[in-house]
Amino acid sequence: MIPIETIQMWVHLIGNSGFPIAITIYLFMRFEKKIENLEAIILKLLDKREN
């Protein structure tokens, strides 16, 4: 279940900033974890290559 504070934050953000900005922030938050995972994999590959 999504906390009510999160829903209120999204409603406030959409009301003040507009839908496109809210979608952009949402996508950045989703991609952040994937980018961190990709970074970890690249660092592991570089470490293996150096050894």
Protein backbone atom coordinates (compact mmCIF):
# COMPACT_ATOMS: atom_id res chain seq x y z
CA MET A 1 0.00 0.00 0.00
CA ILE A 2 1.30 3.46 -0.86
CA PRO A 3 1.59 5.80 2.14
CA ILE A 4 -0.83 8.73 2.13
CA GLU A 5 2.11 11.16 2.43
CA THR A 6 3.49 9.89 -0.88
CA ILE A 7 0.15 10.32 -2.63
CA GLN A 8 -0.24 13.82 -1.22
CA MET A 9 3.27 14.70 -2.38
CA TRP A 10 2.49 13.55 -5.93
CA VAL A 11 -0.81 15.45 -6.04
CA HIS A 12 0.91 18.61 -4.79
CA LEU A 13 3.74 18.19 -7.28
CA ILE A 14 1.40 17.66 -10.24
CA GLY A 15 -0.77 20.59 -9.21
CA ASN A 16 2.13 23.02 -8.86
CA SER A 17 4.65 21.84 -11.44
CA GLY A 18 2.61 20.15 -14.08
CA PHE A 19 2.25 16.64 -15.33
CA PRO A 20 5.40 16.47 -17.53
CA ILE A 21 7.69 17.46 -14.67
CA ALA A 22 6.07 14.93 -12.34
CA ILE A 23 6.52 12.14 -14.91
CA THR A 24 10.17 13.11 -15.43
CA ILE A 25 10.89 12.96 -11.71
CA TYR A 26 9.11 9.61 -11.42
CA LEU A 27 11.18 8.16 -14.26
CA PHE A 28 14.43 9.49 -12.79
CA MET A 29 13.61 7.83 -9.48
CA ARG A 30 12.93 4.52 -11.22
CA PHE A 31 16.05 4.66 -13.37
CA GLU A 32 18.28 5.59 -10.44
CA LYS A 33 18.28 2.06 -9.04
CA LYS A 34 18.93 0.55 -12.46
CA ILE A 35 21.84 2.93 -13.05
CA GLU A 36 23.33 2.05 -9.66
CA ASN A 37 23.11 -1.66 -10.53
CA LEU A 38 24.72 -1.02 -13.90
CA GLU A 39 27.52 0.93 -12.23
CA ALA A 40 28.20 -1.95 -9.82
CA ILE A 41 28.39 -4.44 -12.70
CA ILE A 42 30.77 -2.22 -14.66
CA LEU A 43 33.01 -1.79 -11.62
CA LYS A 44 33.11 -5.57 -11.10
CA LEU A 45 34.03 -6.13 -14.74
CA LEU A 46 36.78 -3.52 -14.56
CA ASP A 47 38.12 -5.09 -11.38
CA LYS A 48 38.22 -8.55 -13.00
CA ARG A 49 39.94 -7.11 -16.06
CA GLU A 50 42.68 -5.52 -13.96
CA ASN A 51 43.46 -8.79 -12.16
